[in-house]
Amino acid sequence: MADKKIAIDHLSEKAQRDYALVLNAINNKDQQAYTDLMDRYRDSIFFMLLKMVNNRDDADDLTIEAFGKAFSRLHQYTPNYAFSTWLFKIATNNCIDFLRKKKKNVLSIDNRLENEDGDSFMIELKSQTRNPEEVAIRDQKIKLMREVVQRLKPRYQTLIEMRYFKEMSYDEIAEELSLPLGTVKAQLFRARDFLYNILKDNKDKI
């Protein structure tokens, strides 16, 4: 990252401050730097995505995903343009991908489970009509999904169960567990991340 410190005069003062946070996050593993970057752009990312999907829960999910993807790729950012530009591009592209999948009417656990390379696994859980073979396949997938979830830590099992099997909203989960809304969202992001790492080993079964 050292060579990336060269030629940032073209950036605005705000963009230069963002870049300093990026360097601090990468080079010093400074968690506060990650927090500061999220605090700067969380609301603007959320409201941009809300306009795109017109659903607050989806916008919440997509906001968390955008930051998750951006932070996992932070070492790829270069100061050729502002960090905010890079972040908004990641958020927009991820949202467009979400809308394309939704348009296909594929209903799945969170509609998508992706890693930082864009690989995804679709786990279809429900549909309007099914023939006996589809019902059997669905039941097999749900059984596998529950077995996978059981390999998570208990608190993550609970969150996944409430959010994706019981289809509870973030607010309902926060109230039920007596947790701050932000904590619920952050832990669900971590739960999905752990879930993906388990699911990638079961790709051929799903």
C-alpha atoms as a PDB file:
ATOM      1  CA  MET A   1       0.000   0.000   0.000  1.00  0.00           C
ATOM      2  CA  ALA A   2       2.962   2.329   0.400  1.00  0.00           C
ATOM      3  CA  ASP A   3       3.058   3.299  -3.258  1.00  0.00           C
ATOM      4  CA  LYS A   4      -0.614   4.296  -3.049  1.00  0.00           C
ATOM      5  CA  LYS A   5       0.302   7.317  -0.956  1.00  0.00           C
ATOM      6  CA  ILE A   6       1.612   9.032  -4.070  1.00  0.00           C
ATOM      7  CA  ALA A   7      -0.427  11.654  -5.937  1.00  0.00           C
ATOM      8  CA  ILE A   8      -3.635  12.136  -3.967  1.00  0.00           C
ATOM      9  CA  ASP A   9      -3.783  15.915  -4.399  1.00  0.00           C
ATOM     10  CA  HIS A  10      -6.587  15.479  -6.925  1.00  0.00           C
ATOM     11  CA  LEU A  11      -8.816  14.142  -4.143  1.00  0.00           C
ATOM     12  CA  SER A  12     -11.008  16.420  -2.056  1.00  0.00           C
ATOM     13  CA  GLU A  13     -10.115  16.949   1.595  1.00  0.00           C
ATOM     14  CA  LYS A  14     -12.882  14.559   2.600  1.00  0.00           C
ATOM     15  CA  ALA A  15     -11.639  11.923   0.151  1.00  0.00           C
ATOM     16  CA  GLN A  16      -8.104  12.316   1.483  1.00  0.00           C
ATOM     17  CA  ARG A  17      -9.380  11.757   5.018  1.00  0.00           C
ATOM     18  CA  ASP A  18     -11.192   8.646   3.807  1.00  0.00           C
ATOM     19  CA  TYR A  19      -7.998   7.399   2.218  1.00  0.00           C
ATOM     20  CA  ALA A  20      -6.105   7.928   5.454  1.00  0.00           C
ATOM     21  CA  LEU A  21      -8.725   5.773   7.198  1.00  0.00           C
ATOM     22  CA  VAL A  22      -8.378   3.106   4.510  1.00  0.00           C
ATOM     23  CA  LEU A  23      -4.613   2.978   5.018  1.00  0.00           C
ATOM     24  CA  ASN A  24      -5.044   2.826   8.769  1.00  0.00           C
ATOM     25  CA  ALA A  25      -7.562   0.010   8.478  1.00  0.00           C
ATOM     26  CA  ILE A  26      -5.325  -2.040   6.188  1.00  0.00           C
ATOM     27  CA  ASN A  27      -1.878  -1.336   7.584  1.00  0.00           C
ATOM     28  CA  ASN A  28      -2.732  -1.120  11.276  1.00  0.00           C
ATOM     29  CA  LYS A  29      -5.850  -3.327  11.391  1.00  0.00           C
ATOM     30  CA  ASP A  30      -7.513  -0.386  13.144  1.00  0.00           C
ATOM     31  CA  GLN A  31     -11.128  -1.354  13.866  1.00  0.00           C
ATOM     32  CA  GLN A  32     -12.013   2.253  14.620  1.00  0.00           C
ATOM     33  CA  ALA A  33     -11.014   3.173  11.071  1.00  0.00           C
ATOM     34  CA  TYR A  34     -13.536   0.641   9.722  1.00  0.00           C
ATOM     35  CA  THR A  35     -16.169   2.031  12.069  1.00  0.00           C
ATOM     36  CA  ASP A  36     -15.440   5.602  10.989  1.00  0.00           C
ATOM     37  CA  LEU A  37     -15.746   4.692   7.309  1.00  0.00           C
ATOM     38  CA  MET A  38     -19.065   2.982   7.952  1.00  0.00           C
ATOM     39  CA  ASP A  39     -20.361   5.882  10.019  1.00  0.00           C
ATOM     40  CA  ARG A  40     -19.506   8.329   7.225  1.00  0.00           C
ATOM     41  CA  TYR A  41     -21.478   6.535   4.538  1.00  0.00           C
ATOM     42  CA  ARG A  42     -23.959   4.139   6.147  1.00  0.00           C
ATOM     43  CA  ASP A  43     -26.977   6.440   5.913  1.00  0.00           C
ATOM     44  CA  SER A  44     -26.302   7.663   2.397  1.00  0.00           C
ATOM     45  CA  ILE A  45     -25.745   4.093   1.172  1.00  0.00           C
ATOM     46  CA  PHE A  46     -28.927   2.927   2.894  1.00  0.00           C
ATOM     47  CA  PHE A  47     -31.142   5.654   1.416  1.00  0.00           C
ATOM     48  CA  MET A  48     -29.674   5.158  -2.047  1.00  0.00           C
ATOM     49  CA  LEU A  49     -30.436   1.441  -1.854  1.00  0.00           C
ATOM     50  CA  LEU A  50     -33.876   2.077  -0.373  1.00  0.00           C
ATOM     51  CA  LYS A  51     -34.756   4.073  -3.483  1.00  0.00           C
ATOM     52  CA  MET A  52     -33.616   1.154  -5.627  1.00  0.00           C
ATOM     53  CA  VAL A  53     -35.396  -1.685  -3.805  1.00  0.00           C
ATOM     54  CA  ASN A  54     -38.262   0.169  -2.045  1.00  0.00           C
ATOM     55  CA  ASN A  55     -38.025  -2.161   0.954  1.00  0.00           C
ATOM     56  CA  ARG A  56     -36.351  -1.197   4.222  1.00  0.00           C
ATOM     57  CA  ASP A  57     -35.321  -4.723   5.229  1.00  0.00           C
ATOM     58  CA  ASP A  58     -33.784  -5.390   1.816  1.00  0.00           C
ATOM     59  CA  ALA A  59     -32.036  -2.027   1.956  1.00  0.00           C
ATOM     60  CA  ASP A  60     -30.701  -2.894   5.415  1.00  0.00           C
ATOM     61  CA  ASP A  61     -29.399  -6.249   4.178  1.00  0.00           C
ATOM     62  CA  LEU A  62     -27.837  -4.701   1.089  1.00  0.00           C
ATOM     63  CA  THR A  63     -26.187  -1.927   3.102  1.00  0.00           C
ATOM     64  CA  ILE A  64     -24.530  -4.472   5.371  1.00  0.00           C
ATOM     65  CA  GLU A  65     -23.467  -6.524   2.358  1.00  0.00           C
ATOM     66  CA  ALA A  66     -22.017  -3.472   0.618  1.00  0.00           C
ATOM     67  CA  PHE A  67     -19.773  -2.643   3.552  1.00  0.00           C
ATOM     68  CA  GLY A  68     -18.877  -6.297   4.015  1.00  0.00           C
ATOM     69  CA  LYS A  69     -17.763  -6.583   0.402  1.00  0.00           C
ATOM     70  CA  ALA A  70     -15.960  -3.253   0.441  1.00  0.00           C
ATOM     71  CA  PHE A  71     -14.057  -4.056   3.633  1.00  0.00           C
ATOM     72  CA  SER A  72     -13.074  -7.514   2.388  1.00  0.00           C
ATOM     73  CA  ARG A  73     -11.681  -5.872  -0.773  1.00  0.00           C
ATOM     74  CA  LEU A  74     -10.212  -2.804   0.890  1.00  0.00           C
ATOM     75  CA  HIS A  75      -6.710  -3.734  -0.220  1.00  0.00           C
ATOM     76  CA  GLN A  76      -7.917  -3.394  -3.831  1.00  0.00           C
ATOM     77  CA  TYR A  77      -8.929   0.243  -3.449  1.00  0.00           C
ATOM     78  CA  THR A  78      -6.661   2.796  -5.115  1.00  0.00           C
ATOM     79  CA  PRO A  79      -6.857   6.590  -4.691  1.00  0.00           C
ATOM     80  CA  ASN A  80      -7.375   7.201  -8.403  1.00  0.00           C
ATOM     81  CA  TYR A  81     -10.860   8.244  -7.335  1.00  0.00           C
ATOM     82  CA  ALA A  82     -12.642   8.880  -4.047  1.00  0.00           C
ATOM     83  CA  PHE A  83     -13.348   6.024  -1.661  1.00  0.00           C
ATOM     84  CA  SER A  84     -17.011   7.040  -1.667  1.00  0.00           C
ATOM     85  CA  THR A  85     -17.159   6.537  -5.445  1.00  0.00           C
ATOM     86  CA  TRP A  86     -15.674   3.068  -5.076  1.00  0.00           C
ATOM     87  CA  LEU A  87     -18.009   2.176  -2.219  1.00  0.00           C
ATOM     88  CA  PHE A  88     -21.144   3.394  -3.985  1.00  0.00           C
ATOM     89  CA  LYS A  89     -20.177   1.394  -7.078  1.00  0.00           C
ATOM     90  CA  ILE A  90     -19.898  -1.778  -5.007  1.00  0.00           C
ATOM     91  CA  ALA A  91     -23.242  -1.073  -3.323  1.00  0.00           C
ATOM     92  CA  THR A  92     -24.973  -0.291  -6.621  1.00  0.00           C
ATOM     93  CA  ASN A  93     -23.614  -3.344  -8.446  1.00  0.00           C
ATOM     94  CA  ASN A  94     -24.583  -5.613  -5.569  1.00  0.00           C
ATOM     95  CA  CYS A  95     -28.086  -4.141  -5.522  1.00  0.00           C
ATOM     96  CA  ILE A  96     -28.498  -4.552  -9.285  1.00  0.00           C
ATOM     97  CA  ASP A  97     -27.477  -8.193  -8.931  1.00  0.00           C
ATOM     98  CA  PHE A  98     -30.025  -8.595  -6.128  1.00  0.00           C
ATOM     99  CA  LEU A  99     -32.801  -7.069  -8.253  1.00  0.00           C
ATOM    100  CA  ARG A 100     -31.969  -9.309 -11.201  1.00  0.00           C
ATOM    101  CA  LYS A 101     -32.236 -12.392  -9.017  1.00  0.00           C
ATOM    102  CA  LYS A 102     -35.442 -11.135  -7.443  1.00  0.00           C
ATOM    103  CA  LYS A 103     -36.915 -10.515 -10.885  1.00  0.00           C
ATOM    104  CA  LYS A 104     -36.417 -14.185 -11.664  1.00  0.00           C
ATOM    105  CA  ASN A 105     -38.720 -14.939  -8.702  1.00  0.00           C
ATOM    106  CA  VAL A 106     -36.168 -17.209  -7.090  1.00  0.00           C
ATOM    107  CA  LEU A 107     -37.013 -17.157  -3.402  1.00  0.00           C
ATOM    108  CA  SER A 108     -34.183 -18.368  -1.230  1.00  0.00           C
ATOM    109  CA  ILE A 109     -32.552 -17.879   2.126  1.00  0.00           C
ATOM    110  CA  ASP A 110     -31.698 -14.189   1.916  1.00  0.00           C
ATOM    111  CA  ASN A 111     -32.026 -14.575  -1.899  1.00  0.00           C
ATOM    112  CA  ARG A 112     -28.237 -14.827  -2.136  1.00  0.00           C
ATOM    113  CA  LEU A 113     -25.154 -16.009  -0.310  1.00  0.00           C
ATOM    114  CA  GLU A 114     -22.022 -14.630  -1.913  1.00  0.00           C
ATOM    115  CA  ASN A 115     -18.338 -14.428  -1.233  1.00  0.00           C
ATOM    116  CA  GLU A 116     -16.062 -11.564  -2.136  1.00  0.00           C
ATOM    117  CA  ASP A 117     -15.447 -13.062  -5.585  1.00  0.00           C
ATOM    118  CA  GLY A 118     -19.131 -12.952  -6.445  1.00  0.00           C
ATOM    119  CA  ASP A 119     -19.678 -16.722  -6.252  1.00  0.00           C
ATOM    120  CA  SER A 120     -23.168 -17.439  -4.977  1.00  0.00           C
ATOM    121  CA  PHE A 121     -25.275 -20.326  -3.783  1.00  0.00           C
ATOM    122  CA  MET A 122     -29.039 -20.272  -4.173  1.00  0.00           C
ATOM    123  CA  ILE A 123     -31.041 -22.253  -1.622  1.00  0.00           C
ATOM    124  CA  GLU A 124     -34.641 -22.273  -2.725  1.00  0.00           C
ATOM    125  CA  LEU A 125     -37.018 -22.671   0.179  1.00  0.00           C
ATOM    126  CA  LYS A 126     -40.464 -21.824  -1.088  1.00  0.00           C
ATOM    127  CA  SER A 127     -42.567 -21.335  -4.205  1.00  0.00           C
ATOM    128  CA  GLN A 128     -46.230 -20.999  -5.131  1.00  0.00           C
ATOM    129  CA  THR A 129     -46.769 -24.453  -6.642  1.00  0.00           C
ATOM    130  CA  ARG A 130     -44.707 -27.637  -6.608  1.00  0.00           C
ATOM    131  CA  ASN A 131     -45.082 -31.135  -7.946  1.00  0.00           C
ATOM    132  CA  PRO A 132     -44.201 -34.111  -5.681  1.00  0.00           C
ATOM    133  CA  GLU A 133     -40.617 -34.249  -6.956  1.00  0.00           C
ATOM    134  CA  GLU A 134     -40.115 -30.529  -6.270  1.00  0.00           C
ATOM    135  CA  VAL A 135     -41.590 -30.949  -2.789  1.00  0.00           C
ATOM    136  CA  ALA A 136     -39.119 -33.771  -2.077  1.00  0.00           C
ATOM    137  CA  ILE A 137     -36.206 -31.675  -3.331  1.00  0.00           C
ATOM    138  CA  ARG A 138     -37.388 -28.699  -1.274  1.00  0.00           C
ATOM    139  CA  ASP A 139     -37.646 -30.818   1.870  1.00  0.00           C
ATOM    140  CA  GLN A 140     -34.169 -32.226   1.259  1.00  0.00           C
ATOM    141  CA  LYS A 141     -32.737 -28.719   0.864  1.00  0.00           C
ATOM    142  CA  ILE A 142     -34.426 -27.495   4.043  1.00  0.00           C
ATOM    143  CA  LYS A 143     -33.092 -30.534   5.917  1.00  0.00           C
ATOM    144  CA  LEU A 144     -29.567 -29.832   4.658  1.00  0.00           C
ATOM    145  CA  MET A 145     -29.955 -26.157   5.436  1.00  0.00           C
ATOM    146  CA  ARG A 146     -30.974 -26.870   9.017  1.00  0.00           C
ATOM    147  CA  GLU A 147     -28.061 -29.281   9.416  1.00  0.00           C
ATOM    148  CA  VAL A 148     -25.689 -26.574   8.179  1.00  0.00           C
ATOM    149  CA  VAL A 149     -27.191 -23.967  10.500  1.00  0.00           C
ATOM    150  CA  GLN A 150     -26.676 -26.330  13.455  1.00  0.00           C
ATOM    151  CA  ARG A 151     -22.921 -26.035  12.858  1.00  0.00           C
ATOM    152  CA  LEU A 152     -23.025 -22.327  13.709  1.00  0.00           C
ATOM    153  CA  LYS A 153     -22.619 -20.926  17.199  1.00  0.00           C
ATOM    154  CA  PRO A 154     -25.909 -20.904  19.164  1.00  0.00           C
ATOM    155  CA  ARG A 155     -26.437 -17.139  18.889  1.00  0.00           C
ATOM    156  CA  TYR A 156     -26.004 -17.307  15.122  1.00  0.00           C
ATOM    157  CA  GLN A 157     -28.317 -20.315  14.896  1.00  0.00           C
ATOM    158  CA  THR A 158     -30.993 -18.287  16.652  1.00  0.00           C
ATOM    159  CA  LEU A 159     -30.560 -15.277  14.369  1.00  0.00           C
ATOM    160  CA  ILE A 160     -30.665 -17.351  11.165  1.00  0.00           C
ATOM    161  CA  GLU A 161     -33.703 -19.268  12.403  1.00  0.00           C
ATOM    162  CA  MET A 162     -35.597 -16.090  13.289  1.00  0.00           C
ATOM    163  CA  ARG A 163     -34.650 -14.108  10.203  1.00  0.00           C
ATOM    164  CA  TYR A 164     -34.845 -16.710   7.434  1.00  0.00           C
ATOM    165  CA  PHE A 165     -36.986 -19.581   8.662  1.00  0.00           C
ATOM    166  CA  LYS A 166     -39.488 -17.590  10.733  1.00  0.00           C
ATOM    167  CA  GLU A 167     -39.073 -14.547   8.416  1.00  0.00           C
ATOM    168  CA  MET A 168     -39.007 -12.062  11.295  1.00  0.00           C
ATOM    169  CA  SER A 169     -37.994  -8.451  10.635  1.00  0.00           C
ATOM    170  CA  TYR A 170     -34.870  -6.895  12.134  1.00  0.00           C
ATOM    171  CA  ASP A 171     -37.011  -4.891  14.539  1.00  0.00           C
ATOM    172  CA  GLU A 172     -38.900  -7.996  15.670  1.00  0.00           C
ATOM    173  CA  ILE A 173     -35.648  -9.879  16.277  1.00  0.00           C
ATOM    174  CA  ALA A 174     -34.148  -6.971  18.210  1.00  0.00           C
ATOM    175  CA  GLU A 175     -37.246  -6.767  20.405  1.00  0.00           C
ATOM    176  CA  GLU A 176     -37.452 -10.533  20.923  1.00  0.00           C
ATOM    177  CA  LEU A 177     -33.778 -10.838  21.916  1.00  0.00           C
ATOM    178  CA  SER A 178     -33.597  -7.483  23.735  1.00  0.00           C
ATOM    179  CA  LEU A 179     -30.658  -6.435  21.559  1.00  0.00           C
ATOM    180  CA  PRO A 180     -29.871  -3.116  19.867  1.00  0.00           C
ATOM    181  CA  LEU A 181     -30.950  -3.077  16.220  1.00  0.00           C
ATOM    182  CA  GLY A 182     -27.380  -2.414  15.089  1.00  0.00           C
ATOM    183  CA  THR A 183     -26.131  -5.455  16.994  1.00  0.00           C
ATOM    184  CA  VAL A 184     -28.728  -7.676  15.334  1.00  0.00           C
ATOM    185  CA  LYS A 185     -27.714  -6.465  11.870  1.00  0.00           C
ATOM    186  CA  ALA A 186     -23.991  -6.846  12.550  1.00  0.00           C
ATOM    187  CA  GLN A 187     -24.378 -10.347  13.974  1.00  0.00           C
ATOM    188  CA  LEU A 188     -26.575 -11.433  11.071  1.00  0.00           C
ATOM    189  CA  PHE A 189     -23.869 -10.273   8.684  1.00  0.00           C
ATOM    190  CA  ARG A 190     -21.342 -12.400  10.561  1.00  0.00           C
ATOM    191  CA  ALA A 191     -23.786 -15.335  10.626  1.00  0.00           C
ATOM    192  CA  ARG A 192     -24.230 -15.161   6.852  1.00  0.00           C
ATOM    193  CA  ASP A 193     -20.470 -15.014   6.406  1.00  0.00           C
ATOM    194  CA  PHE A 194     -19.971 -18.140   8.521  1.00  0.00           C
ATOM    195  CA  LEU A 195     -22.874 -19.822   6.745  1.00  0.00           C
ATOM    196  CA  TYR A 196     -21.333 -19.171   3.356  1.00  0.00           C
ATOM    197  CA  ASN A 197     -18.028 -20.719   4.425  1.00  0.00           C
ATOM    198  CA  ILE A 198     -19.873 -23.871   5.476  1.00  0.00           C
ATOM    199  CA  LEU A 199     -22.093 -23.963   2.394  1.00  0.00           C
ATOM    200  CA  LYS A 200     -19.199 -23.712  -0.058  1.00  0.00           C
ATOM    201  CA  ASP A 201     -18.123 -27.158   1.162  1.00  0.00           C
ATOM    202  CA  ASN A 202     -21.603 -28.483   0.393  1.00  0.00           C
ATOM    203  CA  LYS A 203     -21.986 -26.826  -3.014  1.00  0.00           C
ATOM    204  CA  ASP A 204     -22.687 -30.070  -4.867  1.00  0.00           C
ATOM    205  CA  LYS A 205     -25.431 -31.031  -2.414  1.00  0.00           C
ATOM    206  CA  ILE A 206     -27.457 -27.840  -2.784  1.00  0.00           C
END
